[in-house]
PDB file of all heavy atoms in Angstrom:
ATOM      1  N   ASN A   1      29.376  66.091 121.687  1.00  0.00           N
ATOM      2  CA  ASN A   1      29.752  66.925 122.832  1.00  0.00           C
ATOM      3  C   ASN A   1      31.062  67.653 122.583  1.00  0.00           C
ATOM      4  O   ASN A   1      32.080  67.028 122.280  1.00  0.00           O
ATOM      5  CB  ASN A   1      29.904  66.054 124.089  1.00  0.00           C
ATOM      6  CG  ASN A   1      28.571  65.592 124.629  1.00  0.00           C
ATOM      7  OD1 ASN A   1      27.569  66.291 124.513  1.00  0.00           O
ATOM      8  ND2 ASN A   1      28.547  64.409 125.218  1.00  0.00           N
ATOM      9  N   GLN A   2      31.022  68.983 122.704  1.00  0.00           N
ATOM     10  CA  GLN A   2      32.207  69.826 122.489  1.00  0.00           C
ATOM     11  C   GLN A   2      32.863  69.553 121.138  1.00  0.00           C
ATOM     12  O   GLN A   2      34.075  69.590 121.009  1.00  0.00           O
ATOM     13  CB  GLN A   2      33.232  69.651 123.632  1.00  0.00           C
ATOM     14  CG  GLN A   2      32.826  70.269 124.953  1.00  0.00           C
ATOM     15  CD  GLN A   2      31.779  69.450 125.680  1.00  0.00           C
ATOM     16  OE1 GLN A   2      31.938  68.248 125.898  1.00  0.00           O
ATOM     17  NE2 GLN A   2      30.689  70.098 126.072  1.00  0.00           N
ATOM     18  N   ILE A   3      32.057  69.313 120.116  1.00  0.00           N
ATOM     19  CA  ILE A   3      32.474  69.052 118.726  1.00  0.00           C
ATOM     20  C   ILE A   3      33.732  68.179 118.647  1.00  0.00           C
ATOM     21  O   ILE A   3      34.692  68.503 117.952  1.00  0.00           O
ATOM     22  CB  ILE A   3      32.622  70.358 117.907  1.00  0.00           C
ATOM     23  CG1 ILE A   3      33.645  71.325 118.495  1.00  0.00           C
ATOM     24  CG2 ILE A   3      31.276  71.065 117.773  1.00  0.00           C
ATOM     25  CD1 ILE A   3      33.943  72.534 117.570  1.00  0.00           C
ATOM     26  N   ILE A   4      33.680  67.031 119.333  1.00  0.00           N
ATOM     27  CA  ILE A   4      34.881  66.195 119.432  1.00  0.00           C
ATOM     28  C   ILE A   4      35.266  65.563 118.104  1.00  0.00           C
ATOM     29  O   ILE A   4      36.453  65.358 117.833  1.00  0.00           O
ATOM     30  CB  ILE A   4      34.714  65.112 120.515  1.00  0.00           C
ATOM     31  CG1 ILE A   4      33.477  64.241 120.256  1.00  0.00           C
ATOM     32  CG2 ILE A   4      34.670  65.728 121.896  1.00  0.00           C
ATOM     33  CD1 ILE A   4      33.412  63.016 121.148  1.00  0.00           C
ATOM     34  N   ALA A   5      34.286  65.214 117.258  1.00  0.00           N
ATOM     35  CA  ALA A   5      34.646  64.626 115.964  1.00  0.00           C
ATOM     36  C   ALA A   5      35.485  65.598 115.155  1.00  0.00           C
ATOM     37  O   ALA A   5      36.491  65.225 114.535  1.00  0.00           O
ATOM     38  CB  ALA A   5      33.380  64.233 115.196  1.00  0.00           C
ATOM     39  N   THR A   6      35.092  66.867 115.183  1.00  0.00           N
ATOM     40  CA  THR A   6      35.833  67.891 114.453  1.00  0.00           C
ATOM     41  C   THR A   6      37.187  68.166 115.101  1.00  0.00           C
ATOM     42  O   THR A   6      38.194  68.348 114.416  1.00  0.00           O
ATOM     43  CB  THR A   6      35.018  69.180 114.384  1.00  0.00           C
ATOM     44  OG1 THR A   6      33.751  68.901 113.796  1.00  0.00           O
ATOM     45  CG2 THR A   6      35.723  70.236 113.570  1.00  0.00           C
ATOM     46  N   GLY A   7      37.202  68.201 116.435  1.00  0.00           N
ATOM     47  CA  GLY A   7      38.460  68.456 117.127  1.00  0.00           C
ATOM     48  C   GLY A   7      39.510  67.413 116.823  1.00  0.00           C
ATOM     49  O   GLY A   7      40.681  67.731 116.577  1.00  0.00           O
ATOM     50  N   PHE A   8      39.104  66.136 116.805  1.00  0.00           N
ATOM     51  CA  PHE A   8      40.053  65.075 116.500  1.00  0.00           C
ATOM     52  C   PHE A   8      40.470  65.115 115.028  1.00  0.00           C
ATOM     53  O   PHE A   8      41.617  64.824 114.697  1.00  0.00           O
ATOM     54  CB  PHE A   8      39.464  63.717 116.850  1.00  0.00           C
ATOM     55  CG  PHE A   8      39.271  63.513 118.336  1.00  0.00           C
ATOM     56  CD1 PHE A   8      38.244  62.720 118.810  1.00  0.00           C
ATOM     57  CD2 PHE A   8      40.102  64.128 119.256  1.00  0.00           C
ATOM     58  CE1 PHE A   8      38.057  62.529 120.168  1.00  0.00           C
ATOM     59  CE2 PHE A   8      39.927  63.949 120.619  1.00  0.00           C
ATOM     60  CZ  PHE A   8      38.897  63.143 121.081  1.00  0.00           C
ATOM     61  N   ALA A   9      39.544  65.492 114.141  1.00  0.00           N
ATOM     62  CA  ALA A   9      39.914  65.632 112.729  1.00  0.00           C
ATOM     63  C   ALA A   9      40.903  66.775 112.549  1.00  0.00           C
ATOM     64  O   ALA A   9      41.878  66.656 111.790  1.00  0.00           O
ATOM     65  CB  ALA A   9      38.668  65.872 111.876  1.00  0.00           C
ATOM     66  N   ALA A  10      40.671  67.883 113.241  1.00  0.00           N
ATOM     67  CA  ALA A  10      41.590  69.023 113.159  1.00  0.00           C
ATOM     68  C   ALA A  10      42.959  68.656 113.710  1.00  0.00           C
ATOM     69  O   ALA A  10      43.991  69.114 113.200  1.00  0.00           O
ATOM     70  CB  ALA A  10      41.008  70.215 113.915  1.00  0.00           C
ATOM     71  N   ARG A  11      42.970  67.829 114.756  1.00  0.00           N
ATOM     72  CA  ARG A  11      44.254  67.358 115.303  1.00  0.00           C
ATOM     73  C   ARG A  11      45.028  66.569 114.253  1.00  0.00           C
ATOM     74  O   ARG A  11      46.239  66.760 114.076  1.00  0.00           O
ATOM     75  CB  ARG A  11      43.988  66.490 116.531  1.00  0.00           C
ATOM     76  CG  ARG A  11      45.239  65.891 117.156  1.00  0.00           C
ATOM     77  CD  ARG A  11      44.894  64.993 118.334  1.00  0.00           C
ATOM     78  NE  ARG A  11      44.144  63.798 117.928  1.00  0.00           N
ATOM     79  CZ  ARG A  11      43.667  62.895 118.785  1.00  0.00           C
ATOM     80  NH1 ARG A  11      43.834  63.070 120.088  1.00  0.00           N
ATOM     81  NH2 ARG A  11      42.997  61.837 118.341  1.00  0.00           N
ATOM     82  N   ALA A  12      44.327  65.707 113.544  1.00  0.00           N
ATOM     83  CA  ALA A  12      44.989  64.890 112.528  1.00  0.00           C
ATOM     84  C   ALA A  12      45.434  65.725 111.334  1.00  0.00           C
ATOM     85  O   ALA A  12      46.494  65.470 110.749  1.00  0.00           O
ATOM     86  CB  ALA A  12      44.049  63.777 112.063  1.00  0.00           C
ATOM     87  N   LEU A  13      44.641  66.734 110.973  1.00  0.00           N
ATOM     88  CA  LEU A  13      44.968  67.562 109.810  1.00  0.00           C
ATOM     89  C   LEU A  13      46.084  68.555 110.115  1.00  0.00           C
ATOM     90  O   LEU A  13      46.811  68.983 109.207  1.00  0.00           O
ATOM     91  CB  LEU A  13      43.720  68.317 109.342  1.00  0.00           C
ATOM     92  CG  LEU A  13      42.613  67.466 108.718  1.00  0.00           C
ATOM     93  CD1 LEU A  13      41.311  68.263 108.630  1.00  0.00           C
ATOM     94  CD2 LEU A  13      43.022  66.967 107.341  1.00  0.00           C
ATOM     95  N   GLY A  14      46.214  68.967 111.378  1.00  0.00           N
ATOM     96  CA  GLY A  14      47.266  69.895 111.759  1.00  0.00           C
ATOM     97  C   GLY A  14      47.075  71.301 111.220  1.00  0.00           C
ATOM     98  O   GLY A  14      48.051  72.009 110.950  1.00  0.00           O
ATOM     99  N   LEU A  15      45.814  71.742 111.086  1.00  0.00           N
ATOM    100  CA  LEU A  15      45.517  73.054 110.502  1.00  0.00           C
ATOM    101  C   LEU A  15      45.087  74.054 111.568  1.00  0.00           C
ATOM    102  O   LEU A  15      44.523  73.663 112.601  1.00  0.00           O
ATOM    103  CB  LEU A  15      44.388  72.925 109.472  1.00  0.00           C
ATOM    104  CG  LEU A  15      44.624  71.966 108.303  1.00  0.00           C
ATOM    105  CD1 LEU A  15      43.358  71.842 107.467  1.00  0.00           C
ATOM    106  CD2 LEU A  15      45.784  72.456 107.452  1.00  0.00           C
ATOM    107  N   PRO A  16      45.308  75.359 111.349  1.00  0.00           N
ATOM    108  CA  PRO A  16      44.713  76.370 112.230  1.00  0.00           C
ATOM    109  C   PRO A  16      43.195  76.180 112.261  1.00  0.00           C
ATOM    110  O   PRO A  16      42.563  76.090 111.208  1.00  0.00           O
ATOM    111  CB  PRO A  16      45.110  77.693 111.568  1.00  0.00           C
ATOM    112  CG  PRO A  16      46.352  77.362 110.799  1.00  0.00           C
ATOM    113  CD  PRO A  16      46.162  75.966 110.304  1.00  0.00           C
ATOM    114  N   PHE A  17      42.628  76.126 113.446  1.00  0.00           N
ATOM    115  CA  PHE A  17      41.279  75.598 113.632  1.00  0.00           C
ATOM    116  C   PHE A  17      40.332  76.638 114.199  1.00  0.00           C
ATOM    117  O   PHE A  17      40.650  77.315 115.184  1.00  0.00           O
ATOM    118  CB  PHE A  17      41.364  74.381 114.559  1.00  0.00           C
ATOM    119  CG  PHE A  17      40.054  73.743 114.900  1.00  0.00           C
ATOM    120  CD1 PHE A  17      39.118  73.460 113.917  1.00  0.00           C
ATOM    121  CD2 PHE A  17      39.759  73.412 116.211  1.00  0.00           C
ATOM    122  CE1 PHE A  17      37.907  72.863 114.234  1.00  0.00           C
ATOM    123  CE2 PHE A  17      38.553  72.804 116.548  1.00  0.00           C
ATOM    124  CZ  PHE A  17      37.630  72.524 115.555  1.00  0.00           C
ATOM    125  N   VAL A  18      39.159  76.757 113.568  1.00  0.00           N
ATOM    126  CA  VAL A  18      38.055  77.561 114.102  1.00  0.00           C
ATOM    127  C   VAL A  18      36.893  76.602 114.319  1.00  0.00           C
ATOM    128  O   VAL A  18      36.214  76.199 113.369  1.00  0.00           O
ATOM    129  CB  VAL A  18      37.652  78.696 113.141  1.00  0.00           C
ATOM    130  CG1 VAL A  18      36.517  79.530 113.758  1.00  0.00           C
ATOM    131  CG2 VAL A  18      38.837  79.583 112.814  1.00  0.00           C
ATOM    132  N   GLY A  19      36.678  76.191 115.571  1.00  0.00           N
ATOM    133  CA  GLY A  19      35.600  75.259 115.885  1.00  0.00           C
ATOM    134  C   GLY A  19      34.274  75.991 116.007  1.00  0.00           C
ATOM    135  O   GLY A  19      34.179  77.013 116.693  1.00  0.00           O
ATOM    136  N   LEU A  20      33.266  75.490 115.332  1.00  0.00           N
ATOM    137  CA  LEU A  20      31.964  76.160 115.276  1.00  0.00           C
ATOM    138  C   LEU A  20      30.859  75.229 115.760  1.00  0.00           C
ATOM    139  O   LEU A  20      30.938  74.010 115.578  1.00  0.00           O
ATOM    140  CB  LEU A  20      31.640  76.586 113.842  1.00  0.00           C
ATOM    141  CG  LEU A  20      32.634  77.530 113.159  1.00  0.00           C
ATOM    142  CD1 LEU A  20      32.245  77.710 111.692  1.00  0.00           C
ATOM    143  CD2 LEU A  20      32.662  78.871 113.872  1.00  0.00           C
ATOM    144  N   TYR A  21      29.827  75.818 116.354  1.00  0.00           N
ATOM    145  CA  TYR A  21      28.632  75.041 116.664  1.00  0.00           C
ATOM    146  C   TYR A  21      27.390  75.869 116.351  1.00  0.00           C
ATOM    147  O   TYR A  21      27.049  76.807 117.071  1.00  0.00           O
ATOM    148  CB  TYR A  21      28.583  74.594 118.124  1.00  0.00           C
ATOM    149  CG  TYR A  21      27.397  73.684 118.352  1.00  0.00           C
ATOM    150  CD1 TYR A  21      27.479  72.336 118.029  1.00  0.00           C
ATOM    151  CD2 TYR A  21      26.188  74.176 118.828  1.00  0.00           C
ATOM    152  CE1 TYR A  21      26.394  71.487 118.192  1.00  0.00           C
ATOM    153  CE2 TYR A  21      25.093  73.341 118.988  1.00  0.00           C
ATOM    154  CZ  TYR A  21      25.203  72.000 118.673  1.00  0.00           C
ATOM    155  OH  TYR A  21      24.119  71.176 118.817  1.00  0.00           O
ATOM    156  N   GLY A  22      26.748  75.522 115.263  1.00  0.00           N
ATOM    157  CA  GLY A  22      25.448  76.099 114.920  1.00  0.00           C
ATOM    158  C   GLY A  22      24.453  74.982 114.699  1.00  0.00           C
ATOM    159  O   GLY A  22      23.513  75.142 113.926  1.00  0.00           O
ATOM    160  N   ALA A  23      24.710  73.832 115.379  1.00  0.00           N
ATOM    161  CA  ALA A  23      23.928  72.612 115.136  1.00  0.00           C
ATOM    162  C   ALA A  23      23.977  72.309 113.636  1.00  0.00           C
ATOM    163  O   ALA A  23      25.029  72.409 113.027  1.00  0.00           O
ATOM    164  CB  ALA A  23      22.523  72.743 115.689  1.00  0.00           C
ATOM    165  N   CYS A  24      22.826  71.987 113.046  1.00  0.00           N
ATOM    166  CA  CYS A  24      22.834  71.553 111.642  1.00  0.00           C
ATOM    167  C   CYS A  24      23.141  72.692 110.664  1.00  0.00           C
ATOM    168  O   CYS A  24      23.328  72.447 109.475  1.00  0.00           O
ATOM    169  CB  CYS A  24      21.493  70.907 111.286  1.00  0.00           C
ATOM    170  SG  CYS A  24      21.079  69.501 112.338  1.00  0.00           S
ATOM    171  N   SER A  25      23.211  73.931 111.151  1.00  0.00           N
ATOM    172  CA  SER A  25      23.531  75.068 110.281  1.00  0.00           C
ATOM    173  C   SER A  25      25.029  75.351 110.209  1.00  0.00           C
ATOM    174  O   SER A  25      25.455  76.306 109.553  1.00  0.00           O
ATOM    175  CB  SER A  25      22.818  76.330 110.787  1.00  0.00           C
ATOM    176  OG  SER A  25      23.353  76.746 112.046  1.00  0.00           O
ATOM    177  N   THR A  26      25.848  74.525 110.876  1.00  0.00           N
ATOM    178  CA  THR A  26      27.268  74.835 111.072  1.00  0.00           C
ATOM    179  C   THR A  26      28.025  75.065 109.770  1.00  0.00           C
ATOM    180  O   THR A  26      28.855  75.977 109.673  1.00  0.00           O
ATOM    181  CB  THR A  26      27.927  73.711 111.884  1.00  0.00           C
ATOM    182  OG1 THR A  26      27.336  73.674 113.195  1.00  0.00           O
ATOM    183  CG2 THR A  26      29.422  73.917 112.010  1.00  0.00           C
ATOM    184  N   PHE A  27      27.773  74.239 108.749  1.00  0.00           N
ATOM    185  CA  PHE A  27      28.513  74.385 107.490  1.00  0.00           C
ATOM    186  C   PHE A  27      28.283  75.759 106.861  1.00  0.00           C
ATOM    187  O   PHE A  27      29.244  76.427 106.437  1.00  0.00           O
ATOM    188  CB  PHE A  27      28.096  73.290 106.509  1.00  0.00           C
ATOM    189  CG  PHE A  27      28.688  73.435 105.128  1.00  0.00           C
ATOM    190  CD1 PHE A  27      30.038  73.273 104.914  1.00  0.00           C
ATOM    191  CD2 PHE A  27      27.874  73.727 104.044  1.00  0.00           C
ATOM    192  CE1 PHE A  27      30.584  73.415 103.642  1.00  0.00           C
ATOM    193  CE2 PHE A  27      28.409  73.863 102.772  1.00  0.00           C
ATOM    194  CZ  PHE A  27      29.771  73.714 102.569  1.00  0.00           C
ATOM    195  N   VAL A  28      27.047  76.202 106.818  1.00  0.00           N
ATOM    196  CA  VAL A  28      26.753  77.507 106.211  1.00  0.00           C
ATOM    197  C   VAL A  28      27.289  78.628 107.091  1.00  0.00           C
ATOM    198  O   VAL A  28      27.794  79.642 106.588  1.00  0.00           O
ATOM    199  CB  VAL A  28      25.246  77.659 105.946  1.00  0.00           C
ATOM    200  CG1 VAL A  28      24.954  79.002 105.267  1.00  0.00           C
ATOM    201  CG2 VAL A  28      24.747  76.515 105.066  1.00  0.00           C
ATOM    202  N   GLU A  29      27.222  78.471 108.402  1.00  0.00           N
ATOM    203  CA  GLU A  29      27.834  79.438 109.314  1.00  0.00           C
ATOM    204  C   GLU A  29      29.319  79.596 108.994  1.00  0.00           C
ATOM    205  O   GLU A  29      29.852  80.714 108.943  1.00  0.00           O
ATOM    206  CB  GLU A  29      27.646  78.968 110.754  1.00  0.00           C
ATOM    207  CG  GLU A  29      28.279  79.875 111.795  1.00  0.00           C
ATOM    208  CD  GLU A  29      28.201  79.300 113.198  1.00  0.00           C
ATOM    209  OE1 GLU A  29      27.881  78.101 113.348  1.00  0.00           O
ATOM    210  OE2 GLU A  29      28.485  80.050 114.161  1.00  0.00           O
ATOM    211  N   GLY A  30      29.998  78.484 108.759  1.00  0.00           N
ATOM    212  CA  GLY A  30      31.416  78.543 108.412  1.00  0.00           C
ATOM    213  C   GLY A  30      31.662  79.267 107.109  1.00  0.00           C
ATOM    214  O   GLY A  30      32.624  80.046 106.988  1.00  0.00           O
ATOM    215  N   LEU A  31      30.816  79.031 106.103  1.00  0.00           N
ATOM    216  CA  LEU A  31      30.967  79.735 104.828  1.00  0.00           C
ATOM    217  C   LEU A  31      30.812  81.240 105.001  1.00  0.00           C
ATOM    218  O   LEU A  31      31.557  82.029 104.403  1.00  0.00           O
ATOM    219  CB  LEU A  31      29.933  79.228 103.827  1.00  0.00           C
ATOM    220  CG  LEU A  31      30.112  77.810 103.273  1.00  0.00           C
ATOM    221  CD1 LEU A  31      28.930  77.453 102.378  1.00  0.00           C
ATOM    222  CD2 LEU A  31      31.416  77.675 102.499  1.00  0.00           C
ATOM    223  N   VAL A  32      29.838  81.673 105.812  1.00  0.00           N
ATOM    224  CA  VAL A  32      29.622  83.106 106.048  1.00  0.00           C
ATOM    225  C   VAL A  32      30.862  83.744 106.665  1.00  0.00           C
ATOM    226  O   VAL A  32      31.338  84.797 106.220  1.00  0.00           O
ATOM    227  CB  VAL A  32      28.391  83.325 106.955  1.00  0.00           C
ATOM    228  CG1 VAL A  32      28.277  84.798 107.362  1.00  0.00           C
ATOM    229  CG2 VAL A  32      27.111  82.882 106.260  1.00  0.00           C
ATOM    230  N   LEU A  33      31.404  83.113 107.705  1.00  0.00           N
ATOM    231  CA  LEU A  33      32.532  83.691 108.436  1.00  0.00           C
ATOM    232  C   LEU A  33      33.831  83.629 107.642  1.00  0.00           C
ATOM    233  O   LEU A  33      34.577  84.612 107.576  1.00  0.00           O
ATOM    234  CB  LEU A  33      32.697  82.965 109.771  1.00  0.00           C
ATOM    235  CG  LEU A  33      31.514  83.073 110.736  1.00  0.00           C
ATOM    236  CD1 LEU A  33      31.759  82.219 111.973  1.00  0.00           C
ATOM    237  CD2 LEU A  33      31.248  84.518 111.117  1.00  0.00           C
ATOM    238  N   ALA A  34      34.123  82.487 107.043  1.00  0.00           N
ATOM    239  CA  ALA A  34      35.369  82.359 106.282  1.00  0.00           C
ATOM    240  C   ALA A  34      35.376  83.295 105.082  1.00  0.00           C
ATOM    241  O   ALA A  34      36.406  83.891 104.749  1.00  0.00           O
ATOM    242  CB  ALA A  34      35.552  80.908 105.827  1.00  0.00           C
ATOM    243  N   SER A  35      34.233  83.444 104.425  1.00  0.00           N
ATOM    244  CA  SER A  35      34.152  84.345 103.274  1.00  0.00           C
ATOM    245  C   SER A  35      34.424  85.788 103.678  1.00  0.00           C
ATOM    246  O   SER A  35      35.071  86.541 102.940  1.00  0.00           O
ATOM    247  CB  SER A  35      32.769  84.232 102.620  1.00  0.00           C
ATOM    248  OG  SER A  35      32.558  82.934 102.106  1.00  0.00           O
ATOM    249  N   ALA A  36      33.940  86.172 104.860  1.00  0.00           N
ATOM    250  CA  ALA A  36      34.191  87.536 105.337  1.00  0.00           C
ATOM    251  C   ALA A  36      35.680  87.769 105.571  1.00  0.00           C
ATOM    252  O   ALA A  36      36.229  88.817 105.200  1.00  0.00           O
ATOM    253  CB  ALA A  36      33.400  87.790 106.624  1.00  0.00           C
ATOM    254  N   LEU A  37      36.360  86.796 106.165  1.00  0.00           N
ATOM    255  CA  LEU A  37      37.787  86.949 106.447  1.00  0.00           C
ATOM    256  C   LEU A  37      38.620  86.934 105.167  1.00  0.00           C
ATOM    257  O   LEU A  37      39.608  87.664 105.052  1.00  0.00           O
ATOM    258  CB  LEU A  37      38.240  85.840 107.389  1.00  0.00           C
ATOM    259  CG  LEU A  37      37.700  85.943 108.826  1.00  0.00           C
ATOM    260  CD1 LEU A  37      38.057  84.700 109.619  1.00  0.00           C
ATOM    261  CD2 LEU A  37      38.239  87.190 109.519  1.00  0.00           C
ATOM    262  N   ILE A  38      38.221  86.123 104.202  1.00  0.00           N
ATOM    263  CA  ILE A  38      38.949  86.105 102.923  1.00  0.00           C
ATOM    264  C   ILE A  38      38.708  87.402 102.154  1.00  0.00           C
ATOM    265  O   ILE A  38      39.631  88.000 101.602  1.00  0.00           O
ATOM    266  CB  ILE A  38      38.534  84.875 102.097  1.00  0.00           C
ATOM    267  CG1 ILE A  38      39.022  83.600 102.776  1.00  0.00           C
ATOM    268  CG2 ILE A  38      39.115  84.967 100.679  1.00  0.00           C
ATOM    269  CD1 ILE A  38      38.532  82.323 102.122  1.00  0.00           C
ATOM    270  N   SER A  39      37.456  87.848 102.113  1.00  0.00           N
ATOM    271  CA  SER A  39      37.128  89.089 101.406  1.00  0.00           C
ATOM    272  C   SER A  39      37.889  90.277 101.990  1.00  0.00           C
ATOM    273  O   SER A  39      38.326  91.170 101.261  1.00  0.00           O
ATOM    274  CB  SER A  39      35.616  89.347 101.466  1.00  0.00           C
ATOM    275  OG  SER A  39      35.283  90.563 100.845  1.00  0.00           O
TER     276      SER A  39
END
């Protein structure tokens, strides 16, 4: 619910955070978006 596992991990890591929800596709969704911003 509300990607809480990721939110708490991001809290511990202390990094600028982009929380995503694409269900089981989330990792690849992140690669698509992050690659666009880096490019």
